[in-house]
C-alpha atoms as a PDB file:
ATOM      1  CA  GLN A   1      41.757  26.856  56.892  1.00  0.00           C
ATOM      2  CA  VAL A   2      39.496  29.752  55.924  1.00  0.00           C
ATOM      3  CA  GLN A   3      37.693  30.494  52.688  1.00  0.00           C
ATOM      4  CA  LEU A   4      36.863  34.124  51.962  1.00  0.00           C
ATOM      5  CA  VAL A   5      34.283  35.495  49.547  1.00  0.00           C
ATOM      6  CA  GLU A   6      33.950  39.239  48.932  1.00  0.00           C
ATOM      7  CA  SER A   7      30.857  41.005  47.676  1.00  0.00           C
ATOM      8  CA  GLY A   8      29.421  44.499  47.405  1.00  0.00           C
ATOM      9  CA  GLY A   9      31.641  46.056  44.787  1.00  0.00           C
ATOM     10  CA  GLY A  10      30.284  48.049  41.892  1.00  0.00           C
ATOM     11  CA  LEU A  11      30.308  51.246  39.863  1.00  0.00           C
ATOM     12  CA  VAL A  12      29.498  54.427  41.754  1.00  0.00           C
ATOM     13  CA  GLN A  13      29.999  58.148  41.395  1.00  0.00           C
ATOM     14  CA  ALA A  14      32.421  60.245  43.389  1.00  0.00           C
ATOM     15  CA  GLY A  15      30.962  61.060  46.787  1.00  0.00           C
ATOM     16  CA  ASP A  16      28.857  57.902  46.949  1.00  0.00           C
ATOM     17  CA  SER A  17      29.142  55.092  49.473  1.00  0.00           C
ATOM     18  CA  LEU A  18      29.581  51.348  49.226  1.00  0.00           C
ATOM     19  CA  ARG A  19      29.773  48.583  51.785  1.00  0.00           C
ATOM     20  CA  LEU A  20      31.940  45.604  51.019  1.00  0.00           C
ATOM     21  CA  SER A  21      31.350  42.306  52.755  1.00  0.00           C
ATOM     22  CA  CYS A  22      33.670  39.360  53.229  1.00  0.00           C
ATOM     23  CA  ALA A  23      32.057  36.099  54.261  1.00  0.00           C
ATOM     24  CA  ALA A  24      34.383  33.594  55.875  1.00  0.00           C
ATOM     25  CA  SER A  25      33.924  29.873  56.193  1.00  0.00           C
ATOM     26  CA  GLY A  26      36.095  27.461  58.055  1.00  0.00           C
ATOM     27  CA  ARG A  27      37.343  27.037  61.532  1.00  0.00           C
ATOM     28  CA  ALA A  28      38.017  29.556  64.260  1.00  0.00           C
ATOM     29  CA  PHE A  29      37.078  32.725  62.374  1.00  0.00           C
ATOM     30  CA  SER A  30      37.006  34.527  65.683  1.00  0.00           C
ATOM     31  CA  ARG A  31      40.782  33.995  66.013  1.00  0.00           C
ATOM     32  CA  TYR A  32      41.632  35.609  62.693  1.00  0.00           C
ATOM     33  CA  HIS A  33      42.721  39.173  62.216  1.00  0.00           C
ATOM     34  CA  MET A  34      41.056  40.489  59.074  1.00  0.00           C
ATOM     35  CA  GLY A  35      42.248  42.971  56.522  1.00  0.00           C
ATOM     36  CA  TRP A  36      41.096  44.723  53.385  1.00  0.00           C
ATOM     37  CA  PHE A  37      43.605  45.350  50.640  1.00  0.00           C
ATOM     38  CA  ARG A  38      43.215  46.947  47.239  1.00  0.00           C
ATOM     39  CA  GLN A  39      45.098  46.915  43.982  1.00  0.00           C
ATOM     40  CA  ALA A  40      44.629  49.453  41.235  1.00  0.00           C
ATOM     41  CA  PRO A  41      45.794  48.810  37.649  1.00  0.00           C
ATOM     42  CA  GLY A  42      49.551  49.241  37.362  1.00  0.00           C
ATOM     43  CA  LYS A  43      49.972  49.684  41.108  1.00  0.00           C
ATOM     44  CA  GLU A  44      51.080  47.469  43.961  1.00  0.00           C
ATOM     45  CA  ARG A  45      48.598  45.978  46.346  1.00  0.00           C
ATOM     46  CA  GLU A  46      48.134  48.155  49.408  1.00  0.00           C
ATOM     47  CA  LEU A  47      46.688  47.571  52.843  1.00  0.00           C
ATOM     48  CA  VAL A  48      43.550  49.632  53.359  1.00  0.00           C
ATOM     49  CA  ALA A  49      42.302  48.580  56.788  1.00  0.00           C
ATOM     50  CA  THR A  50      42.811  45.931  59.452  1.00  0.00           C
ATOM     51  CA  ILE A  51      40.777  44.761  62.404  1.00  0.00           C
ATOM     52  CA  THR A  52      42.004  42.363  65.067  1.00  0.00           C
ATOM     53  CA  TRP A  53      40.049  39.301  66.076  1.00  0.00           C
ATOM     54  CA  THR A  54      38.579  40.999  69.131  1.00  0.00           C
ATOM     55  CA  GLY A  55      37.611  44.022  67.065  1.00  0.00           C
ATOM     56  CA  ALA A  56      39.315  46.265  69.592  1.00  0.00           C
ATOM     57  CA  VAL A  57      42.158  47.433  67.392  1.00  0.00           C
ATOM     58  CA  ALA A  58      41.921  48.812  63.877  1.00  0.00           C
ATOM     59  CA  TYR A  59      44.307  50.304  61.355  1.00  0.00           C
ATOM     60  CA  TYR A  60      43.578  52.523  58.378  1.00  0.00           C
ATOM     61  CA  ALA A  61      45.755  53.733  55.576  1.00  0.00           C
ATOM     62  CA  ASP A  62      46.118  57.506  55.606  1.00  0.00           C
ATOM     63  CA  SER A  63      44.363  57.719  52.254  1.00  0.00           C
ATOM     64  CA  VAL A  64      41.121  56.332  53.693  1.00  0.00           C
ATOM     65  CA  LYS A  65      41.112  57.594  57.278  1.00  0.00           C
ATOM     66  CA  GLY A  66      37.876  59.308  58.154  1.00  0.00           C
ATOM     67  CA  ARG A  67      36.110  57.843  55.106  1.00  0.00           C
ATOM     68  CA  PHE A  68      36.338  54.062  55.509  1.00  0.00           C
ATOM     69  CA  THR A  69      35.341  51.932  58.483  1.00  0.00           C
ATOM     70  CA  ILE A  70      36.209  48.285  59.021  1.00  0.00           C
ATOM     71  CA  SER A  71      34.048  46.136  61.272  1.00  0.00           C
ATOM     72  CA  ARG A  72      33.340  42.495  61.922  1.00  0.00           C
ATOM     73  CA  ASP A  73      30.409  40.379  63.001  1.00  0.00           C
ATOM     74  CA  SER A  74      31.787  37.166  64.426  1.00  0.00           C
ATOM     75  CA  ALA A  75      28.320  35.664  64.774  1.00  0.00           C
ATOM     76  CA  LYS A  76      27.972  35.948  61.001  1.00  0.00           C
ATOM     77  CA  ASN A  77      31.639  35.203  60.213  1.00  0.00           C
ATOM     78  CA  THR A  78      31.697  38.394  58.192  1.00  0.00           C
ATOM     79  CA  VAL A  79      33.923  41.441  57.978  1.00  0.00           C
ATOM     80  CA  TYR A  80      32.783  44.686  56.402  1.00  0.00           C
ATOM     81  CA  LEU A  81      34.356  47.732  54.842  1.00  0.00           C
ATOM     82  CA  GLN A  82      32.078  50.760  54.823  1.00  0.00           C
ATOM     83  CA  MET A  83      33.380  53.216  52.263  1.00  0.00           C
ATOM     84  CA  ASN A  84      32.017  56.751  52.278  1.00  0.00           C
ATOM     85  CA  SER A  85      32.881  59.841  50.238  1.00  0.00           C
ATOM     86  CA  LEU A  86      34.403  57.676  47.548  1.00  0.00           C
ATOM     87  CA  LYS A  87      36.933  59.224  45.205  1.00  0.00           C
ATOM     88  CA  PRO A  88      38.084  58.135  41.729  1.00  0.00           C
ATOM     89  CA  GLU A  89      41.444  57.191  43.249  1.00  0.00           C
ATOM     90  CA  ASP A  90      39.650  54.551  45.341  1.00  0.00           C
ATOM     91  CA  THR A  91      39.045  52.593  42.137  1.00  0.00           C
ATOM     92  CA  ALA A  92      40.649  49.167  42.542  1.00  0.00           C
ATOM     93  CA  VAL A  93      40.023  45.493  43.114  1.00  0.00           C
ATOM     94  CA  TYR A  94      39.425  45.057  46.833  1.00  0.00           C
ATOM     95  CA  TYR A  95      40.560  41.894  48.564  1.00  0.00           C
ATOM     96  CA  CYS A  96      39.707  40.462  51.929  1.00  0.00           C
ATOM     97  CA  ALA A  97      42.444  38.617  53.817  1.00  0.00           C
ATOM     98  CA  ALA A  98      42.779  36.643  57.054  1.00  0.00           C
ATOM     99  CA  ASP A  99      45.665  36.106  59.455  1.00  0.00           C
ATOM    100  CA  TYR A 100      45.449  33.487  62.186  1.00  0.00           C
ATOM    101  CA  ASP A 101      47.074  34.791  65.348  1.00  0.00           C
ATOM    102  CA  PRO A 102      46.198  33.994  68.978  1.00  0.00           C
ATOM    103  CA  LEU A 103      47.713  37.317  70.027  1.00  0.00           C
ATOM    104  CA  GLU A 104      45.831  40.597  69.998  1.00  0.00           C
ATOM    105  CA  ARG A 105      48.056  42.646  67.705  1.00  0.00           C
ATOM    106  CA  LEU A 106      47.946  44.253  64.294  1.00  0.00           C
ATOM    107  CA  PRO A 107      49.441  41.993  61.657  1.00  0.00           C
ATOM    108  CA  SER A 108      51.874  43.228  59.077  1.00  0.00           C
ATOM    109  CA  PRO A 109      50.749  43.018  55.431  1.00  0.00           C
ATOM    110  CA  SER A 110      52.941  39.965  54.883  1.00  0.00           C
ATOM    111  CA  ASP A 111      51.309  38.009  57.720  1.00  0.00           C
ATOM    112  CA  TYR A 112      48.050  37.281  55.946  1.00  0.00           C
ATOM    113  CA  ASP A 113      47.539  33.625  55.101  1.00  0.00           C
ATOM    114  CA  TYR A 114      44.225  33.499  53.245  1.00  0.00           C
ATOM    115  CA  TRP A 115      42.791  35.661  50.495  1.00  0.00           C
ATOM    116  CA  GLY A 116      39.502  36.153  48.740  1.00  0.00           C
ATOM    117  CA  GLN A 117      39.067  36.443  44.992  1.00  0.00           C
ATOM    118  CA  GLY A 118      38.477  40.190  45.043  1.00  0.00           C
ATOM    119  CA  THR A 119      35.638  42.535  44.160  1.00  0.00           C
ATOM    120  CA  GLN A 120      35.884  45.468  41.762  1.00  0.00           C
ATOM    121  CA  VAL A 121      35.134  48.980  42.944  1.00  0.00           C
ATOM    122  CA  THR A 122      34.979  51.675  40.288  1.00  0.00           C
ATOM    123  CA  VAL A 123      34.409  55.314  41.191  1.00  0.00           C
ATOM    124  CA  SER A 124      33.611  57.685  38.363  1.00  0.00           C
ATOM    125  CA  SER A 125      34.269  61.406  38.564  1.00  0.00           C
END
């Protein structure tokens, strides 16, 4: 089992940057694919970015491509989401999620087994 704790959210202006962190505790973090999701008020939760457990494969939603970067540090059991050129439409609660899978492949959004409590990101115009 894995416990996930997000941090790094806050209130910023459009064009600013933020880096979210997700600290994982538990067994075999290195075998978990990791994802960042977000949910804005009145909207469904959406997958923002995914990184496989080797770090070799990543996925980004079209809305964040070229602006966000997902990375992981297995030595620190931490996954990051670097968010640059933030826009007001990026405002949401951001969640970290983990999917245990011995295979090197991108998980589907429904595959994730463990979730963090979320961190609020607010981008003002």
